[in-house]
Amino acid sequence: MTLLFGVLYHAGHGVEQDHVHANTLLRQAIAADSNNAGALANLGNSYLEGLAVEKSVTTALSFYQRAADLGHAAALRNIAVAYRQGEVGPGRCCSPRK
């Protein structure tokens, strides 16, 4: 339920948009269940876009990788997009995982 509310607060659906509160809810969801792939992926989105956190492709990819390892397809797609756009790879912010 915490994940759902985090997503709603990010989008502003039915509530006033509040990225700080959304990120807090997503972190709570991860604290309650470290295998919450949806919360991990959505927190990755926050870092990728700089939504109430310092924008960081490296941190976003870390969250995406954790979510992808748990089978989250959108997180895996986001990693692929980062590679395709040249944000990741040799000589960039992040090196491929070994």
PDB file of N, CA and C in Angstrom:
ATOM      1  N   MET A   1       0.817  -1.191   0.000  1.00  0.00           N
ATOM      2  CA  MET A   1       0.000   0.000   0.000  1.00  0.00           C
ATOM      3  C   MET A   1       0.867   1.263   0.000  1.00  0.00           C
ATOM      4  N   THR A   2       2.000   1.196   0.713  1.00  0.00           N
ATOM      5  CA  THR A   2       2.894   2.352   0.772  1.00  0.00           C
ATOM      6  C   THR A   2       3.435   2.681  -0.612  1.00  0.00           C
ATOM      7  N   LEU A   3       3.756   1.649  -1.400  1.00  0.00           N
ATOM      8  CA  LEU A   3       4.223   1.861  -2.770  1.00  0.00           C
ATOM      9  C   LEU A   3       3.173   2.615  -3.573  1.00  0.00           C
ATOM     10  N   LEU A   4       1.933   2.172  -3.484  1.00  0.00           N
ATOM     11  CA  LEU A   4       0.846   2.811  -4.240  1.00  0.00           C
ATOM     12  C   LEU A   4       0.731   4.289  -3.883  1.00  0.00           C
ATOM     13  N   PHE A   5       0.751   4.595  -2.590  1.00  0.00           N
ATOM     14  CA  PHE A   5       0.648   5.990  -2.186  1.00  0.00           C
ATOM     15  C   PHE A   5       1.857   6.793  -2.656  1.00  0.00           C
ATOM     16  N   GLY A   6       3.033   6.190  -2.642  1.00  0.00           N
ATOM     17  CA  GLY A   6       4.214   6.876  -3.157  1.00  0.00           C
ATOM     18  C   GLY A   6       4.058   7.246  -4.623  1.00  0.00           C
ATOM     19  N   VAL A   7       3.547   6.318  -5.395  1.00  0.00           N
ATOM     20  CA  VAL A   7       3.320   6.572  -6.829  1.00  0.00           C
ATOM     21  C   VAL A   7       2.275   7.663  -7.008  1.00  0.00           C
ATOM     22  N   LEU A   8       1.199   7.606  -6.224  1.00  0.00           N
ATOM     23  CA  LEU A   8       0.141   8.617  -6.330  1.00  0.00           C
ATOM     24  C   LEU A   8       0.652  10.009  -5.974  1.00  0.00           C
ATOM     25  N   TYR A   9       1.472  10.109  -4.935  1.00  0.00           N
ATOM     26  CA  TYR A   9       2.019  11.413  -4.561  1.00  0.00           C
ATOM     27  C   TYR A   9       2.988  11.941  -5.616  1.00  0.00           C
ATOM     28  N   HIS A  10       3.742  11.069  -6.255  1.00  0.00           N
ATOM     29  CA  HIS A  10       4.624  11.538  -7.336  1.00  0.00           C
ATOM     30  C   HIS A  10       3.798  12.100  -8.485  1.00  0.00           C
ATOM     31  N   ALA A  11       2.735  11.406  -8.833  1.00  0.00           N
ATOM     32  CA  ALA A  11       1.920  11.801  -9.983  1.00  0.00           C
ATOM     33  C   ALA A  11       0.917  12.899  -9.654  1.00  0.00           C
ATOM     34  N   GLY A  12       0.558  13.021  -8.371  1.00  0.00           N
ATOM     35  CA  GLY A  12      -0.469  13.984  -8.003  1.00  0.00           C
ATOM     36  C   GLY A  12      -1.868  13.498  -8.350  1.00  0.00           C
ATOM     37  N   HIS A  13      -2.067  12.202  -8.347  1.00  0.00           N
ATOM     38  CA  HIS A  13      -3.388  11.624  -8.632  1.00  0.00           C
ATOM     39  C   HIS A  13      -4.184  11.489  -7.349  1.00  0.00           C
ATOM     40  N   GLY A  14      -5.226  12.314  -7.207  1.00  0.00           N
ATOM     41  CA  GLY A  14      -6.084  12.256  -6.034  1.00  0.00           C
ATOM     42  C   GLY A  14      -5.494  12.912  -4.799  1.00  0.00           C
ATOM     43  N   VAL A  15      -4.264  13.349  -4.888  1.00  0.00           N
ATOM     44  CA  VAL A  15      -3.578  14.040  -3.793  1.00  0.00           C
ATOM     45  C   VAL A  15      -2.756  15.168  -4.399  1.00  0.00           C
ATOM     46  N   GLU A  16      -2.377  16.127  -3.558  1.00  0.00           N
ATOM     47  CA  GLU A  16      -1.493  17.178  -4.050  1.00  0.00           C
ATOM     48  C   GLU A  16      -0.119  16.570  -4.326  1.00  0.00           C
ATOM     49  N   GLN A  17       0.438  16.870  -5.486  1.00  0.00           N
ATOM     50  CA  GLN A  17       1.742  16.317  -5.856  1.00  0.00           C
ATOM     51  C   GLN A  17       2.789  16.739  -4.840  1.00  0.00           C
ATOM     52  N   ASP A  18       3.526  15.759  -4.328  1.00  0.00           N
ATOM     53  CA  ASP A  18       4.526  16.019  -3.299  1.00  0.00           C
ATOM     54  C   ASP A  18       5.636  14.979  -3.443  1.00  0.00           C
ATOM     55  N   HIS A  19       6.705  15.350  -4.122  1.00  0.00           N
ATOM     56  CA  HIS A  19       7.796  14.410  -4.386  1.00  0.00           C
ATOM     57  C   HIS A  19       8.558  14.032  -3.117  1.00  0.00           C
ATOM     58  N   VAL A  20       8.679  14.958  -2.183  1.00  0.00           N
ATOM     59  CA  VAL A  20       9.370  14.645  -0.933  1.00  0.00           C
ATOM     60  C   VAL A  20       8.617  13.547  -0.196  1.00  0.00           C
ATOM     61  N   HIS A  21       7.306  13.724  -0.045  1.00  0.00           N
ATOM     62  CA  HIS A  21       6.503  12.717   0.654  1.00  0.00           C
ATOM     63  C   HIS A  21       6.499  11.402  -0.126  1.00  0.00           C
ATOM     64  N   ALA A  22       6.437  11.484  -1.438  1.00  0.00           N
ATOM     65  CA  ALA A  22       6.462  10.276  -2.268  1.00  0.00           C
ATOM     66  C   ALA A  22       7.731   9.479  -2.031  1.00  0.00           C
ATOM     67  N   ASN A  23       8.874  10.166  -2.032  1.00  0.00           N
ATOM     68  CA  ASN A  23      10.153   9.469  -1.806  1.00  0.00           C
ATOM     69  C   ASN A  23      10.213   8.862  -0.407  1.00  0.00           C
ATOM     70  N   THR A  24       9.661   9.569   0.569  1.00  0.00           N
ATOM     71  CA  THR A  24       9.619   9.034   1.935  1.00  0.00           C
ATOM     72  C   THR A  24       8.811   7.742   1.967  1.00  0.00           C
ATOM     73  N   LEU A  25       7.669   7.739   1.297  1.00  0.00           N
ATOM     74  CA  LEU A  25       6.829   6.540   1.257  1.00  0.00           C
ATOM     75  C   LEU A  25       7.535   5.388   0.535  1.00  0.00           C
ATOM     76  N   LEU A  26       8.228   5.699  -0.536  1.00  0.00           N
ATOM     77  CA  LEU A  26       8.945   4.654  -1.269  1.00  0.00           C
ATOM     78  C   LEU A  26      10.068   4.073  -0.409  1.00  0.00           C
ATOM     79  N   ARG A  27      10.766   4.924   0.322  1.00  0.00           N
ATOM     80  CA  ARG A  27      11.823   4.436   1.218  1.00  0.00           C
ATOM     81  C   ARG A  27      11.233   3.573   2.339  1.00  0.00           C
ATOM     82  N   GLN A  28      10.062   3.950   2.832  1.00  0.00           N
ATOM     83  CA  GLN A  28       9.395   3.145   3.852  1.00  0.00           C
ATOM     84  C   GLN A  28       9.010   1.778   3.292  1.00  0.00           C
ATOM     85  N   ALA A  29       8.541   1.762   2.051  1.00  0.00           N
ATOM     86  CA  ALA A  29       8.173   0.492   1.417  1.00  0.00           C
ATOM     87  C   ALA A  29       9.402  -0.409   1.276  1.00  0.00           C
ATOM     88  N   ILE A  30      10.545   0.174   0.935  1.00  0.00           N
ATOM     89  CA  ILE A  30      11.785  -0.598   0.795  1.00  0.00           C
ATOM     90  C   ILE A  30      12.276  -1.061   2.167  1.00  0.00           C
ATOM     91  N   ALA A  31      12.127  -0.206   3.183  1.00  0.00           N
ATOM     92  CA  ALA A  31      12.546  -0.591   4.531  1.00  0.00           C
ATOM     93  C   ALA A  31      11.704  -1.761   5.043  1.00  0.00           C
ATOM     94  N   ALA A  32      10.423  -1.775   4.696  1.00  0.00           N
ATOM     95  CA  ALA A  32       9.538  -2.854   5.130  1.00  0.00           C
ATOM     96  C   ALA A  32       9.797  -4.139   4.362  1.00  0.00           C
ATOM     97  N   ASP A  33      10.210  -3.990   3.102  1.00  0.00           N
ATOM     98  CA  ASP A  33      10.467  -5.156   2.252  1.00  0.00           C
ATOM     99  C   ASP A  33      11.558  -4.781   1.256  1.00  0.00           C
ATOM    100  N   SER A  34      12.782  -5.192   1.540  1.00  0.00           N
ATOM    101  CA  SER A  34      13.911  -4.818   0.679  1.00  0.00           C
ATOM    102  C   SER A  34      13.789  -5.408  -0.725  1.00  0.00           C
ATOM    103  N   ASN A  35      12.866  -6.337  -0.925  1.00  0.00           N
ATOM    104  CA  ASN A  35      12.634  -6.931  -2.248  1.00  0.00           C
ATOM    105  C   ASN A  35      11.427  -6.311  -2.951  1.00  0.00           C
ATOM    106  N   ASN A  36      11.046  -5.108  -2.571  1.00  0.00           N
ATOM    107  CA  ASN A  36       9.923  -4.419  -3.199  1.00  0.00           C
ATOM    108  C   ASN A  36      10.421  -3.781  -4.492  1.00  0.00           C
ATOM    109  N   ALA A  37      10.356  -4.539  -5.569  1.00  0.00           N
ATOM    110  CA  ALA A  37      10.916  -4.099  -6.851  1.00  0.00           C
ATOM    111  C   ALA A  37      10.256  -2.826  -7.359  1.00  0.00           C
ATOM    112  N   GLY A  38       8.958  -2.690  -7.158  1.00  0.00           N
ATOM    113  CA  GLY A  38       8.266  -1.492  -7.623  1.00  0.00           C
ATOM    114  C   GLY A  38       8.747  -0.244  -6.908  1.00  0.00           C
ATOM    115  N   ALA A  39       8.935  -0.334  -5.606  1.00  0.00           N
ATOM    116  CA  ALA A  39       9.429   0.811  -4.841  1.00  0.00           C
ATOM    117  C   ALA A  39      10.861   1.153  -5.250  1.00  0.00           C
ATOM    118  N   LEU A  40      11.688   0.122  -5.452  1.00  0.00           N
ATOM    119  CA  LEU A  40      13.065   0.351  -5.887  1.00  0.00           C
ATOM    120  C   LEU A  40      13.096   1.062  -7.239  1.00  0.00           C
ATOM    121  N   ALA A  41      12.290   0.589  -8.181  1.00  0.00           N
ATOM    122  CA  ALA A  41      12.262   1.184  -9.518  1.00  0.00           C
ATOM    123  C   ALA A  41      11.753   2.620  -9.475  1.00  0.00           C
ATOM    124  N   ASN A  42      10.713   2.861  -8.692  1.00  0.00           N
ATOM    125  CA  ASN A  42      10.173   4.221  -8.608  1.00  0.00           C
ATOM    126  C   ASN A  42      11.128   5.178  -7.920  1.00  0.00           C
ATOM    127  N   LEU A  43      11.860   4.702  -6.918  1.00  0.00           N
ATOM    128  CA  LEU A  43      12.864   5.564  -6.293  1.00  0.00           C
ATOM    129  C   LEU A  43      13.995   5.841  -7.294  1.00  0.00           C
ATOM    130  N   GLY A  44      14.309   4.848  -8.122  1.00  0.00           N
ATOM    131  CA  GLY A  44      15.265   5.074  -9.204  1.00  0.00           C
ATOM    132  C   GLY A  44      14.812   6.192 -10.124  1.00  0.00           C
ATOM    133  N   ASN A  45      13.514   6.218 -10.433  1.00  0.00           N
ATOM    134  CA  ASN A  45      12.966   7.291 -11.270  1.00  0.00           C
ATOM    135  C   ASN A  45      13.181   8.652 -10.621  1.00  0.00           C
ATOM    136  N   SER A  46      13.008   8.706  -9.295  1.00  0.00           N
ATOM    137  CA  SER A  46      13.205   9.973  -8.582  1.00  0.00           C
ATOM    138  C   SER A  46      14.626  10.484  -8.775  1.00  0.00           C
ATOM    139  N   TYR A  47      15.594   9.585  -8.661  1.00  0.00           N
ATOM    140  CA  TYR A  47      16.997   9.993  -8.825  1.00  0.00           C
ATOM    141  C   TYR A  47      17.325  10.317 -10.276  1.00  0.00           C
ATOM    142  N   LEU A  48      16.737   9.601 -11.196  1.00  0.00           N
ATOM    143  CA  LEU A  48      17.001   9.885 -12.604  1.00  0.00           C
ATOM    144  C   LEU A  48      16.489  11.270 -12.988  1.00  0.00           C
ATOM    145  N   GLU A  49      15.327  11.631 -12.458  1.00  0.00           N
ATOM    146  CA  GLU A  49      14.704  12.913 -12.795  1.00  0.00           C
ATOM    147  C   GLU A  49      15.046  14.027 -11.817  1.00  0.00           C
ATOM    148  N   GLY A  50      15.657  13.693 -10.687  1.00  0.00           N
ATOM    149  CA  GLY A  50      15.951  14.706  -9.681  1.00  0.00           C
ATOM    150  C   GLY A  50      14.700  15.209  -8.982  1.00  0.00           C
ATOM    151  N   LEU A  51      13.776  14.301  -8.662  1.00  0.00           N
ATOM    152  CA  LEU A  51      12.517  14.666  -8.016  1.00  0.00           C
ATOM    153  C   LEU A  51      12.694  14.666  -6.503  1.00  0.00           C
ATOM    154  N   ALA A  52      12.949  15.839  -5.942  1.00  0.00           N
ATOM    155  CA  ALA A  52      13.132  16.053  -4.500  1.00  0.00           C
ATOM    156  C   ALA A  52      14.381  15.359  -3.958  1.00  0.00           C
ATOM    157  N   VAL A  53      15.275  14.968  -4.850  1.00  0.00           N
ATOM    158  CA  VAL A  53      16.584  14.417  -4.496  1.00  0.00           C
ATOM    159  C   VAL A  53      17.574  14.973  -5.507  1.00  0.00           C
ATOM    160  N   GLU A  54      18.852  14.919  -5.171  1.00  0.00           N
ATOM    161  CA  GLU A  54      19.858  15.358  -6.133  1.00  0.00           C
ATOM    162  C   GLU A  54      19.873  14.378  -7.300  1.00  0.00           C
ATOM    163  N   LYS A  55      19.770  14.908  -8.496  1.00  0.00           N
ATOM    164  CA  LYS A  55      19.753  14.062  -9.689  1.00  0.00           C
ATOM    165  C   LYS A  55      21.051  13.257  -9.762  1.00  0.00           C
ATOM    166  N   SER A  56      20.915  11.940  -9.950  1.00  0.00           N
ATOM    167  CA  SER A  56      22.086  11.071 -10.009  1.00  0.00           C
ATOM    168  C   SER A  56      21.773   9.838 -10.848  1.00  0.00           C
ATOM    169  N   VAL A  57      22.361   9.779 -12.025  1.00  0.00           N
ATOM    170  CA  VAL A  57      22.187   8.616 -12.891  1.00  0.00           C
ATOM    171  C   VAL A  57      22.761   7.380 -12.206  1.00  0.00           C
ATOM    172  N   THR A  58      23.883   7.532 -11.535  1.00  0.00           N
ATOM    173  CA  THR A  58      24.517   6.403 -10.851  1.00  0.00           C
ATOM    174  C   THR A  58      23.587   5.810  -9.798  1.00  0.00           C
ATOM    175  N   THR A  59      23.003   6.654  -8.978  1.00  0.00           N
ATOM    176  CA  THR A  59      22.096   6.167  -7.938  1.00  0.00           C
ATOM    177  C   THR A  59      20.839   5.575  -8.559  1.00  0.00           C
ATOM    178  N   ALA A  60      20.310   6.229  -9.584  1.00  0.00           N
ATOM    179  CA  ALA A  60      19.126   5.698 -10.267  1.00  0.00           C
ATOM    180  C   ALA A  60      19.404   4.295 -10.795  1.00  0.00           C
ATOM    181  N   LEU A  61      20.549   4.116 -11.437  1.00  0.00           N
ATOM    182  CA  LEU A  61      20.879   2.811 -12.000  1.00  0.00           C
ATOM    183  C   LEU A  61      21.078   1.761 -10.920  1.00  0.00           C
ATOM    184  N   SER A  62      21.570   2.171  -9.768  1.00  0.00           N
ATOM    185  CA  SER A  62      21.711   1.231  -8.653  1.00  0.00           C
ATOM    186  C   SER A  62      20.339   0.703  -8.223  1.00  0.00           C
ATOM    187  N   PHE A  63      19.370   1.615  -8.088  1.00  0.00           N
ATOM    188  CA  PHE A  63      18.014   1.187  -7.736  1.00  0.00           C
ATOM    189  C   PHE A  63      17.396   0.357  -8.850  1.00  0.00           C
ATOM    190  N   TYR A  64      17.585   0.778 -10.106  1.00  0.00           N
ATOM    191  CA  TYR A  64      17.051   0.012 -11.233  1.00  0.00           C
ATOM    192  C   TYR A  64      17.639  -1.397 -11.265  1.00  0.00           C
ATOM    193  N   GLN A  65      18.933  -1.522 -10.999  1.00  0.00           N
ATOM    194  CA  GLN A  65      19.570  -2.833 -11.043  1.00  0.00           C
ATOM    195  C   GLN A  65      19.000  -3.742  -9.965  1.00  0.00           C
ATOM    196  N   ARG A  66      18.811  -3.203  -8.772  1.00  0.00           N
ATOM    197  CA  ARG A  66      18.219  -4.006  -7.693  1.00  0.00           C
ATOM    198  C   ARG A  66      16.817  -4.467  -8.081  1.00  0.00           C
ATOM    199  N   ALA A  67      16.029  -3.571  -8.676  1.00  0.00           N
ATOM    200  CA  ALA A  67      14.672  -3.925  -9.097  1.00  0.00           C
ATOM    201  C   ALA A  67      14.697  -4.931 -10.242  1.00  0.00           C
ATOM    202  N   ALA A  68      15.604  -4.722 -11.193  1.00  0.00           N
ATOM    203  CA  ALA A  68      15.708  -5.649 -12.330  1.00  0.00           C
ATOM    204  C   ALA A  68      16.113  -7.039 -11.866  1.00  0.00           C
ATOM    205  N   ASP A  69      17.009  -7.105 -10.880  1.00  0.00           N
ATOM    206  CA  ASP A  69      17.411  -8.400 -10.334  1.00  0.00           C
ATOM    207  C   ASP A  69      16.234  -9.143  -9.715  1.00  0.00           C
ATOM    208  N   LEU A  70      15.207  -8.389  -9.336  1.00  0.00           N
ATOM    209  CA  LEU A  70      14.000  -8.989  -8.758  1.00  0.00           C
ATOM    210  C   LEU A  70      12.930  -9.236  -9.812  1.00  0.00           C
ATOM    211  N   GLY A  71      13.268  -8.979 -11.083  1.00  0.00           N
ATOM    212  CA  GLY A  71      12.349  -9.276 -12.175  1.00  0.00           C
ATOM    213  C   GLY A  71      11.486  -8.119 -12.639  1.00  0.00           C
ATOM    214  N   HIS A  72      11.802  -6.895 -12.243  1.00  0.00           N
ATOM    215  CA  HIS A  72      11.010  -5.726 -12.640  1.00  0.00           C
ATOM    216  C   HIS A  72      11.382  -5.327 -14.071  1.00  0.00           C
ATOM    217  N   ALA A  73      10.484  -5.573 -15.003  1.00  0.00           N
ATOM    218  CA  ALA A  73      10.763  -5.364 -16.428  1.00  0.00           C
ATOM    219  C   ALA A  73      11.026  -3.897 -16.775  1.00  0.00           C
ATOM    220  N   ALA A  74      10.269  -2.977 -16.208  1.00  0.00           N
ATOM    221  CA  ALA A  74      10.470  -1.556 -16.524  1.00  0.00           C
ATOM    222  C   ALA A  74      11.831  -1.074 -16.045  1.00  0.00           C
ATOM    223  N   ALA A  75      12.300  -1.590 -14.916  1.00  0.00           N
ATOM    224  CA  ALA A  75      13.628  -1.213 -14.422  1.00  0.00           C
ATOM    225  C   ALA A  75      14.699  -1.695 -15.395  1.00  0.00           C
ATOM    226  N   LEU A  76      14.541  -2.901 -15.904  1.00  0.00           N
ATOM    227  CA  LEU A  76      15.487  -3.432 -16.885  1.00  0.00           C
ATOM    228  C   LEU A  76      15.477  -2.580 -18.154  1.00  0.00           C
ATOM    229  N   ARG A  77      14.293  -2.156 -18.562  1.00  0.00           N
ATOM    230  CA  ARG A  77      14.181  -1.287 -19.737  1.00  0.00           C
ATOM    231  C   ARG A  77      14.892   0.036 -19.480  1.00  0.00           C
ATOM    232  N   ASN A  78      14.741   0.588 -18.283  1.00  0.00           N
ATOM    233  CA  ASN A  78      15.396   1.858 -17.962  1.00  0.00           C
ATOM    234  C   ASN A  78      16.916   1.732 -18.006  1.00  0.00           C
ATOM    235  N   ILE A  79      17.432   0.593 -17.589  1.00  0.00           N
ATOM    236  CA  ILE A  79      18.875   0.350 -17.684  1.00  0.00           C
ATOM    237  C   ILE A  79      19.292   0.308 -19.152  1.00  0.00           C
ATOM    238  N   ALA A  80      18.513  -0.389 -19.961  1.00  0.00           N
ATOM    239  CA  ALA A  80      18.826  -0.484 -21.392  1.00  0.00           C
ATOM    240  C   ALA A  80      18.800   0.883 -22.059  1.00  0.00           C
ATOM    241  N   VAL A  81      17.838   1.706 -21.699  1.00  0.00           N
ATOM    242  CA  VAL A  81      17.749   3.060 -22.258  1.00  0.00           C
ATOM    243  C   VAL A  81      18.979   3.882 -21.868  1.00  0.00           C
ATOM    244  N   ALA A  82      19.427   3.736 -20.633  1.00  0.00           N
ATOM    245  CA  ALA A  82      20.618   4.470 -20.190  1.00  0.00           C
ATOM    246  C   ALA A  82      21.838   4.065 -21.014  1.00  0.00           C
ATOM    247  N   TYR A  83      21.966   2.783 -21.295  1.00  0.00           N
ATOM    248  CA  TYR A  83      23.074   2.324 -22.150  1.00  0.00           C
ATOM    249  C   TYR A  83      22.922   2.883 -23.556  1.00  0.00           C
ATOM    250  N   ARG A  84      21.727   2.818 -24.076  1.00  0.00           N
ATOM    251  CA  ARG A  84      21.500   3.273 -25.454  1.00  0.00           C
ATOM    252  C   ARG A  84      21.767   4.770 -25.597  1.00  0.00           C
ATOM    253  N   GLN A  85      21.411   5.529 -24.578  1.00  0.00           N
ATOM    254  CA  GLN A  85      21.610   6.980 -24.634  1.00  0.00           C
ATOM    255  C   GLN A  85      23.036   7.382 -24.265  1.00  0.00           C
ATOM    256  N   GLY A  86      23.868   6.384 -23.947  1.00  0.00           N
ATOM    257  CA  GLY A  86      25.266   6.665 -23.649  1.00  0.00           C
ATOM    258  C   GLY A  86      25.526   7.196 -22.255  1.00  0.00           C
ATOM    259  N   GLU A  87      24.529   7.085 -21.358  1.00  0.00           N
ATOM    260  CA  GLU A  87      24.715   7.553 -19.987  1.00  0.00           C
ATOM    261  C   GLU A  87      25.527   6.563 -19.164  1.00  0.00           C
ATOM    262  N   VAL A  88      25.660   5.347 -19.656  1.00  0.00           N
ATOM    263  CA  VAL A  88      26.326   4.268 -18.935  1.00  0.00           C
ATOM    264  C   VAL A  88      27.298   3.588 -19.878  1.00  0.00           C
ATOM    265  N   GLY A  89      28.388   3.113 -19.325  1.00  0.00           N
ATOM    266  CA  GLY A  89      29.330   2.352 -20.135  1.00  0.00           C
ATOM    267  C   GLY A  89      30.748   2.851 -19.924  1.00  0.00           C
ATOM    268  N   PRO A  90      31.671   2.285 -20.642  1.00  0.00           N
ATOM    269  CA  PRO A  90      33.071   2.682 -20.502  1.00  0.00           C
ATOM    270  C   PRO A  90      33.247   4.187 -20.712  1.00  0.00           C
ATOM    271  N   GLY A  91      33.926   4.810 -19.777  1.00  0.00           N
ATOM    272  CA  GLY A  91      34.189   6.238 -19.888  1.00  0.00           C
ATOM    273  C   GLY A  91      33.032   7.120 -19.457  1.00  0.00           C
ATOM    274  N   ARG A  92      31.930   6.522 -19.014  1.00  0.00           N
ATOM    275  CA  ARG A  92      30.767   7.297 -18.570  1.00  0.00           C
ATOM    276  C   ARG A  92      30.637   7.196 -17.052  1.00  0.00           C
ATOM    277  N   CYS A  93      29.473   7.552 -16.537  1.00  0.00           N
ATOM    278  CA  CYS A  93      29.302   7.598 -15.070  1.00  0.00           C
ATOM    279  C   CYS A  93      29.409   6.228 -14.420  1.00  0.00           C
ATOM    280  N   CYS A  94      29.046   5.220 -15.133  1.00  0.00           N
ATOM    281  CA  CYS A  94      28.986   3.882 -14.530  1.00  0.00           C
ATOM    282  C   CYS A  94      29.609   2.885 -15.489  1.00  0.00           C
ATOM    283  N   SER A  95      30.194   1.880 -14.948  1.00  0.00           N
ATOM    284  CA  SER A  95      30.729   0.806 -15.782  1.00  0.00           C
ATOM    285  C   SER A  95      29.764  -0.364 -15.753  1.00  0.00           C
ATOM    286  N   PRO A  96      29.781  -1.198 -16.784  1.00  0.00           N
ATOM    287  CA  PRO A  96      28.916  -2.370 -16.778  1.00  0.00           C
ATOM    288  C   PRO A  96      29.189  -3.235 -15.553  1.00  0.00           C
ATOM    289  N   ARG A  97      28.142  -3.859 -15.062  1.00  0.00           N
ATOM    290  CA  ARG A  97      28.269  -4.737 -13.906  1.00  0.00           C
ATOM    291  C   ARG A  97      29.064  -5.975 -14.288  1.00  0.00           C
ATOM    292  N   LYS A  98      29.947  -6.408 -13.419  1.00  0.00           N
ATOM    293  CA  LYS A  98      30.782  -7.587 -13.698  1.00  0.00           C
ATOM    294  C   LYS A  98      30.252  -8.775 -12.959  1.00  0.00           C
TER     295      LYS A  98
END
